[in-house]
Amino acid sequence: MNAPLTHSLDARYYTDPAIFENEMNGLLSRTWQFAGHVSQIPNVGDYFAFEIARQSLFCIRGRDEVVRTFYNVCQHRAHEMVTGTGNTRVVVCPYHAWTYELTGHLRAGPNIKAVPGFDRSGICLTEVRTEDFNGFIFVNLDDAAAPMDDWFPGVREELRDYVPNIDRLAPLEWVEVPESCNWKVSVENYSECYHCPTNHPTFAEGVIKPETYDIQPDKTGGYVLRHTTECQSLDKMTYPIDLASNEHAGDYRSWFLWPMFSFQCYPGNVLNTYHWRARDVDSCTVWRGWYTEDGAESDVIRNLAVQDRQTTVEEDIRLVESVHRGLKSRGYRPGPLVLDPGCGVMSEHSIATLQKWMREAVDG
């Protein structure tokens, strides 16, 4: 007797504005989201502003060297505190000059001492859960969320094994990629390589061996998908690698952290990342990060970033935007996923897991 088929999600999960609003107020406000890298704020008082789930936030390094994240809003009359990046001894609201310590506690404000009963000790910028994950700063708007190591078991240690110099890395280049599709379409495309041999000739013939590619969900139930494959033969590689430099120099490994971030280790122990930001139900932005020690110049990494943007990224833009248009077709009927019991590159086991997470996020 044949097992029941697993069908893809209904189009409404990608096209319904109400579902997108549900995600903004639920999923994307209760999961770990990438904020930035510690190298962006190396000194006491360094800060940068950013946005998660339509909430303006900022990270800042305190005098105790702790990186904290706050909602970017004054507790007096709601003016935004900072913009962009910078350095400051104290955080001063531009509206009425209420001044906060780097810990977020109110320090002073014009004429507040004249107010009977005014107690500044009880006033503080609203802090957001923050974790340093091998130098990558993640935040979670849910104060009760489990730690990242519970969400993504083993990933912290595995990353350090595949990228032994990760503590010395800093961003060399960010590549911004706007896409006219729902964020889940883009994440799904990233999370399978069923399409790679047909659509990514440079990646499939000059970086990895597609026949060895596999993607597996976490065996302990964590919210991580692990991509594994071998490097292409050295005479076909589009950039030089030294197989003797590290035991994993000939491997490709990727850790997709649900819902919107992925670490990738290219052959040669080259770290790069993806992170997504949902703009609206029909569009998202993807950032590709490329890293070197101390952010030092590297022709190899610069050329890899150009190669990736002109080939794999450009090819994926066409794919995901076509899929998003297709999801709005009256003729679309969700078909069965290709679930090969042997897994491998031509199977969509990872998509079945990913769509389960997507369905649970919306339907509970």
Protein backbone atom coordinates (compact mmCIF):
# COMPACT_ATOMS: atom_id res chain seq x y z
CA MET A 1 0.00 0.00 0.00
CA ASN A 2 1.36 3.42 -0.95
CA ALA A 3 1.97 6.01 1.76
CA PRO A 4 -0.19 9.17 1.56
CA LEU A 5 1.41 11.97 -0.42
CA THR A 6 2.50 15.22 1.23
CA HIS A 7 1.29 18.24 -0.69
CA SER A 8 2.75 21.74 -0.72
CA LEU A 9 1.10 24.59 1.16
CA ASP A 10 -1.96 26.35 -0.21
CA ALA A 11 -1.18 29.60 -2.03
CA ARG A 12 -2.91 31.65 0.68
CA TYR A 13 0.03 31.07 3.06
CA TYR A 14 2.13 33.22 0.73
CA THR A 15 -0.39 35.67 -0.73
CA ASP A 16 -2.92 36.47 2.01
CA PRO A 17 -2.20 39.87 3.67
CA ALA A 18 -3.96 38.70 6.83
CA ILE A 19 -1.53 35.79 7.18
CA PHE A 20 1.39 38.16 6.69
CA GLU A 21 0.06 40.38 9.49
CA ASN A 22 -0.33 37.30 11.66
CA GLU A 23 3.35 36.47 11.06
CA MET A 24 4.50 39.99 11.81
CA ASN A 25 2.67 40.04 15.13
CA GLY A 26 3.40 36.42 15.98
CA LEU A 27 6.16 34.36 14.37
CA LEU A 28 8.56 37.20 13.54
CA SER A 29 8.08 38.76 16.98
CA ARG A 30 8.75 35.51 18.84
CA THR A 31 11.76 34.03 17.05
CA TRP A 32 15.47 34.80 17.01
CA GLN A 33 16.28 37.40 14.35
CA PHE A 34 19.69 38.57 13.16
CA ALA A 35 20.56 42.12 14.20
CA GLY A 36 24.21 42.59 13.24
CA HIS A 37 27.79 41.59 14.01
CA VAL A 38 29.82 42.46 17.11
CA SER A 39 32.49 44.03 14.90
CA GLN A 40 29.99 46.81 14.09
CA ILE A 41 30.13 48.00 17.72
CA PRO A 42 33.67 47.25 18.97
CA ASN A 43 33.94 50.20 21.38
CA VAL A 44 32.01 51.29 24.45
CA GLY A 45 29.13 53.51 23.33
CA ASP A 46 29.07 52.21 19.74
CA TYR A 47 25.54 51.60 18.47
CA PHE A 48 23.52 50.80 15.38
CA ALA A 49 19.79 51.02 14.70
CA PHE A 50 17.78 48.40 12.82
CA GLU A 51 14.24 47.08 12.42
CA ILE A 52 12.62 43.73 13.27
CA ALA A 53 8.92 42.99 12.69
CA ARG A 54 8.28 46.72 12.10
CA GLN A 55 9.84 47.57 15.47
CA SER A 56 12.70 50.08 15.55
CA LEU A 57 15.53 48.83 17.78
CA PHE A 58 19.15 49.63 18.50
CA CYS A 59 22.14 47.68 19.81
CA ILE A 60 24.72 49.43 21.96
CA ARG A 61 27.89 48.33 23.77
CA GLY A 62 27.90 49.24 27.47
CA ARG A 63 30.79 50.25 29.71
CA ASP A 64 30.74 46.69 31.03
CA GLU A 65 31.33 45.51 27.41
CA VAL A 66 27.87 43.90 27.35
CA VAL A 67 25.94 44.36 24.11
CA ARG A 68 22.34 45.32 24.86
CA THR A 69 19.37 45.93 22.59
CA PHE A 70 16.58 48.42 23.29
CA TYR A 71 13.39 49.49 21.60
CA ASN A 72 14.31 52.73 19.88
CA VAL A 73 11.85 54.91 21.75
CA CYS A 74 12.11 57.44 24.59
CA GLN A 75 10.01 56.67 27.66
CA HIS A 76 9.00 60.32 27.93
CA ARG A 77 6.92 61.08 24.81
CA ALA A 78 7.95 58.36 22.35
CA HIS A 79 10.51 60.11 20.15
CA GLU A 80 13.03 57.78 18.51
CA MET A 81 16.35 57.81 20.30
CA VAL A 82 18.97 57.17 17.59
CA THR A 83 19.35 56.75 13.84
CA GLY A 84 21.96 54.89 11.80
CA THR A 85 25.26 54.19 13.54
CA GLY A 86 27.46 56.15 15.93
CA ASN A 87 29.12 56.41 19.31
CA THR A 88 27.85 58.14 22.42
CA ARG A 89 28.74 58.54 26.10
CA VAL A 90 25.04 58.58 27.02
CA VAL A 91 21.88 58.15 24.96
CA VAL A 92 20.09 61.48 24.58
CA CYS A 93 16.59 61.85 23.18
CA PRO A 94 16.63 64.56 20.45
CA TYR A 95 13.15 65.78 21.44
CA HIS A 96 13.42 66.92 25.08
CA ALA A 97 16.98 65.80 25.93
CA TRP A 98 16.04 63.08 28.35
CA THR A 99 19.35 61.29 28.91
CA TYR A 100 19.84 57.58 29.48
CA GLU A 101 22.85 55.56 30.62
CA LEU A 102 24.23 52.90 28.26
CA THR A 103 22.37 50.39 30.45
CA GLY A 104 19.11 52.10 29.46
CA HIS A 105 18.39 53.68 32.86
CA LEU A 106 17.27 57.30 32.94
CA ARG A 107 20.10 59.58 34.06
CA ALA A 108 18.64 63.07 33.74
CA GLY A 109 16.10 65.29 32.03
CA PRO A 110 15.50 69.04 31.91
CA ASN A 111 13.65 70.24 35.01
CA ILE A 112 12.62 66.75 36.17
CA LYS A 113 13.89 67.52 39.68
CA ALA A 114 11.19 70.18 39.98
CA VAL A 115 8.48 67.53 39.64
CA PRO A 116 7.22 66.35 43.07
CA GLY A 117 7.57 62.59 43.43
CA PHE A 118 9.49 62.13 40.18
CA ASP A 119 11.54 58.93 40.56
CA ARG A 120 13.98 58.43 37.71
CA SER A 121 15.15 55.08 39.12
CA GLY A 122 12.00 53.42 37.80
CA ILE A 123 12.40 54.69 34.22
CA CYS A 124 14.42 52.69 31.71
CA LEU A 125 14.50 52.08 28.00
CA THR A 126 12.74 48.80 27.21
CA GLU A 127 15.32 46.06 26.71
CA VAL A 128 15.08 43.23 24.18
CA ARG A 129 16.44 39.69 24.55
CA THR A 130 19.91 39.59 22.94
CA GLU A 131 22.41 36.79 22.31
CA ASP A 132 25.94 36.76 20.95
CA PHE A 133 26.10 33.67 18.71
CA ASN A 134 29.76 33.30 17.75
CA GLY A 135 29.98 37.06 17.16
CA PHE A 136 26.61 37.34 15.43
CA ILE A 137 24.04 39.36 17.37
CA PHE A 138 20.50 37.97 17.48
CA VAL A 139 17.46 39.44 19.19
CA ASN A 140 14.05 38.12 20.17
CA LEU A 141 11.10 40.36 21.01
CA ASP A 142 9.65 37.57 23.17
CA ASP A 143 11.06 37.85 26.70
CA ALA A 144 10.02 34.26 27.41
CA ALA A 145 11.68 32.70 24.36
CA ALA A 146 14.02 29.74 24.89
CA PRO A 147 17.76 30.38 24.36
CA MET A 148 19.23 29.99 20.89
CA ASP A 149 21.02 26.78 21.85
CA ASP A 150 17.61 25.24 22.56
CA TRP A 151 16.24 26.39 19.21
CA PHE A 152 19.34 25.38 17.24
CA PRO A 153 21.05 22.57 19.16
CA GLY A 154 24.67 21.94 18.33
CA VAL A 155 24.99 24.68 15.72
CA ARG A 156 27.18 26.98 17.81
CA GLU A 157 29.79 24.25 18.27
CA GLU A 158 29.55 22.93 14.70
CA LEU A 159 30.17 26.40 13.32
CA ARG A 160 33.33 26.73 15.35
CA ASP A 161 34.49 23.37 14.02
CA TYR A 162 33.93 24.31 10.37
CA VAL A 163 35.04 27.94 10.74
CA PRO A 164 37.86 27.78 13.31
CA ASN A 165 38.72 31.47 12.91
CA ILE A 166 35.14 32.65 13.45
CA ASP A 167 36.08 34.80 16.46
CA ARG A 168 38.40 36.85 14.25
CA LEU A 169 35.94 37.36 11.40
CA ALA A 170 34.19 40.58 10.46
CA PRO A 171 32.00 41.52 7.48
CA LEU A 172 33.90 42.42 4.33
CA GLU A 173 30.83 43.01 2.19
CA TRP A 174 27.03 43.08 2.42
CA VAL A 175 25.10 42.42 -0.79
CA GLU A 176 21.49 43.66 -0.66
CA VAL A 177 19.02 41.71 -2.81
CA PRO A 178 15.43 43.00 -3.15
CA GLU A 179 12.97 40.28 -4.23
CA SER A 180 9.35 40.69 -5.35
CA CYS A 181 8.04 37.66 -3.52
CA ASN A 182 6.77 36.59 -0.13
CA TRP A 183 9.64 35.89 2.27
CA LYS A 184 8.61 32.23 2.61
CA VAL A 185 8.99 31.68 -1.15
CA SER A 186 12.58 32.91 -0.92
CA VAL A 187 13.35 30.86 2.20
CA GLU A 188 11.89 27.72 0.60
CA ASN A 189 14.00 28.21 -2.51
CA TYR A 190 17.10 28.46 -0.33
CA SER A 191 16.12 25.35 1.61
CA GLU A 192 16.21 22.84 -1.24
CA CYS A 193 18.70 22.01 -3.98
CA TYR A 194 16.25 20.03 -6.12
CA HIS A 195 16.44 23.00 -8.48
CA CYS A 196 20.24 23.44 -8.37
CA PRO A 197 21.46 21.17 -11.20
CA THR A 198 18.95 22.74 -13.60
CA ASN A 199 19.22 26.38 -12.54
CA HIS A 200 22.63 27.01 -10.94
CA PRO A 201 25.37 25.79 -13.30
CA THR A 202 28.14 27.85 -11.71
CA PHE A 203 27.31 26.75 -8.16
CA ALA A 204 26.65 23.13 -9.19
CA GLU A 205 29.70 22.77 -11.42
CA GLY A 206 32.21 25.17 -9.87
CA VAL A 207 31.62 25.04 -6.10
CA ILE A 208 29.85 21.84 -4.97
CA LYS A 209 29.08 18.30 -6.16
CA PRO A 210 25.28 18.13 -6.51
CA GLU A 211 25.24 14.34 -6.37
CA THR A 212 26.51 14.51 -2.76
CA TYR A 213 24.10 17.26 -1.65
CA ASP A 214 21.67 16.53 1.17
CA ILE A 215 19.55 18.62 3.54
CA GLN A 216 18.40 17.19 6.85
CA PRO A 217 16.19 18.52 9.65
CA ASP A 218 17.61 18.43 13.15
CA LYS A 219 17.26 14.94 14.59
CA THR A 220 16.45 16.30 18.06
CA GLY A 221 13.60 18.51 16.89
CA GLY A 222 15.48 21.80 16.72
CA TYR A 223 14.52 24.50 14.24
CA VAL A 224 17.53 24.04 11.98
CA LEU A 225 18.09 22.52 8.52
CA ARG A 226 21.61 21.27 7.81
CA HIS A 227 22.91 21.31 4.22
CA THR A 228 25.91 19.08 3.49
CA THR A 229 27.90 18.33 0.34
CA GLU A 230 31.44 18.01 -0.97
CA CYS A 231 33.42 20.54 -2.96
CA GLN A 232 33.72 20.20 -6.72
CA SER A 233 36.94 18.66 -8.06
CA LEU A 234 39.78 21.14 -7.73
CA ASP A 235 40.25 21.54 -11.48
CA LYS A 236 36.62 22.74 -11.73
CA MET A 237 36.48 25.00 -8.67
CA THR A 238 35.90 28.66 -9.52
CA TYR A 239 38.20 29.79 -6.70
CA PRO A 240 41.30 28.29 -5.07
CA ILE A 241 41.12 26.18 -1.91
CA ASP A 242 43.76 24.37 0.10
CA LEU A 243 42.42 20.96 1.11
CA ALA A 244 45.24 20.55 3.63
CA SER A 245 44.40 23.69 5.58
CA ASN A 246 41.61 22.15 7.68
CA GLU A 247 39.80 18.83 7.99
CA HIS A 248 36.63 20.45 6.58
CA ALA A 249 38.32 22.46 3.83
CA GLY A 250 36.76 20.24 1.16
CA ASP A 251 33.24 20.41 2.61
CA TYR A 252 30.27 22.69 2.09
CA ARG A 253 27.99 23.08 5.09
CA SER A 254 24.99 25.28 5.74
CA TRP A 255 22.85 25.78 8.84
CA PHE A 256 19.46 27.38 8.15
CA LEU A 257 18.08 28.83 11.38
CA TRP A 258 14.31 29.17 11.24
CA PRO A 259 12.85 31.48 10.21
CA MET A 260 15.19 33.97 8.49
CA PHE A 261 18.92 33.30 8.77
CA SER A 262 21.54 30.94 7.41
CA PHE A 263 25.24 30.40 8.01
CA GLN A 264 27.08 28.94 5.02
CA CYS A 265 30.58 27.52 5.04
CA TYR A 266 31.87 27.28 1.48
CA PRO A 267 34.74 24.92 0.63
CA GLY A 268 37.97 26.39 1.95
CA ASN A 269 36.23 27.35 5.24
CA VAL A 270 34.77 30.52 3.68
CA LEU A 271 31.98 31.89 5.88
CA ASN A 272 29.05 33.68 4.29
CA THR A 273 25.51 34.30 5.46
CA TYR A 274 21.96 34.97 4.31
CA HIS A 275 19.46 36.96 6.28
CA TRP A 276 15.96 37.89 5.21
CA ARG A 277 13.68 40.81 6.08
CA ALA A 278 9.99 40.70 5.18
CA ARG A 279 8.79 44.04 3.77
CA ASP A 280 5.18 43.15 2.93
CA VAL A 281 3.21 40.15 1.73
CA ASP A 282 4.63 40.53 -1.80
CA SER A 283 8.25 41.51 -1.16
CA CYS A 284 11.31 40.86 0.96
CA THR A 285 14.99 41.74 1.06
CA VAL A 286 17.86 39.28 1.32
CA TRP A 287 21.32 40.28 2.50
CA ARG A 288 24.36 38.18 1.62
CA GLY A 289 27.22 38.64 4.05
CA TRP A 290 30.85 37.80 3.25
CA TYR A 291 33.49 37.64 6.00
CA THR A 292 37.26 37.74 6.37
CA GLU A 293 39.57 38.06 9.36
CA ASP A 294 39.11 41.60 10.72
CA GLY A 295 37.22 42.43 7.52
CA ALA A 296 40.54 42.55 5.63
CA GLU A 297 40.51 42.91 1.87
CA SER A 298 40.53 39.65 -0.10
CA ASP A 299 40.38 39.38 -3.87
CA VAL A 300 39.13 35.80 -3.53
CA ILE A 301 36.17 36.77 -1.32
CA ARG A 302 35.37 39.90 -3.33
CA ASN A 303 35.33 37.84 -6.52
CA LEU A 304 33.20 35.16 -4.86
CA ALA A 305 30.66 37.80 -3.83
CA VAL A 306 30.51 39.10 -7.41
CA GLN A 307 30.27 35.60 -8.86
CA ASP A 308 27.49 34.68 -6.42
CA ARG A 309 25.50 37.88 -7.13
CA GLN A 310 25.79 37.52 -10.90
CA THR A 311 24.98 33.81 -11.02
CA THR A 312 23.22 32.02 -8.13
CA VAL A 313 21.52 35.12 -6.68
CA GLU A 314 20.37 36.46 -10.04
CA GLU A 315 19.12 33.01 -11.04
CA ASP A 316 17.21 32.70 -7.76
CA ILE A 317 15.57 36.12 -8.15
CA ARG A 318 14.01 35.00 -11.42
CA LEU A 319 12.86 31.73 -9.84
CA VAL A 320 11.28 33.11 -6.67
CA GLU A 321 9.55 36.00 -8.42
CA SER A 322 8.07 33.60 -10.97
CA VAL A 323 6.87 31.33 -8.17
CA HIS A 324 5.23 34.24 -6.36
CA ARG A 325 3.40 35.26 -9.53
CA GLY A 326 2.36 31.65 -10.01
CA LEU A 327 0.94 31.42 -6.51
CA LYS A 328 -1.56 34.09 -7.53
CA SER A 329 -2.73 32.07 -10.52
CA ARG A 330 -6.28 30.73 -10.38
CA GLY A 331 -4.93 27.60 -12.00
CA TYR A 332 -2.51 26.62 -9.22
CA ARG A 333 -3.31 23.43 -7.30
CA PRO A 334 -0.66 22.48 -4.69
CA GLY A 335 1.12 19.39 -5.95
CA PRO A 336 2.82 16.60 -3.99
CA LEU A 337 6.33 17.11 -2.70
CA VAL A 338 9.06 14.80 -3.99
CA LEU A 339 10.00 12.87 -0.85
CA ASP A 340 12.61 10.29 -1.77
CA PRO A 341 13.08 7.84 1.15
CA GLY A 342 16.80 7.94 0.34
CA CYS A 343 16.82 11.75 0.63
CA GLY A 344 19.59 13.43 -1.40
CA VAL A 345 19.63 16.42 -3.73
CA MET A 346 16.53 15.35 -5.68
CA SER A 347 14.33 15.09 -2.58
CA GLU A 348 12.24 17.75 -0.81
CA HIS A 349 12.34 16.39 2.74
CA SER A 350 13.60 19.79 3.92
CA ILE A 351 10.62 21.54 2.33
CA ALA A 352 8.19 19.19 4.09
CA THR A 353 9.77 20.17 7.43
CA LEU A 354 9.92 23.86 6.54
CA GLN A 355 6.27 23.95 5.46
CA LYS A 356 5.29 22.19 8.68
CA TRP A 357 6.92 25.04 10.60
CA MET A 358 5.20 27.58 8.35
CA ARG A 359 1.82 25.95 8.85
CA GLU A 360 2.26 25.76 12.63
CA ALA A 361 3.27 29.44 12.78
CA VAL A 362 0.00 30.45 11.14
CA ASP A 363 -2.45 27.77 12.31
CA GLY A 364 -0.94 26.99 15.69
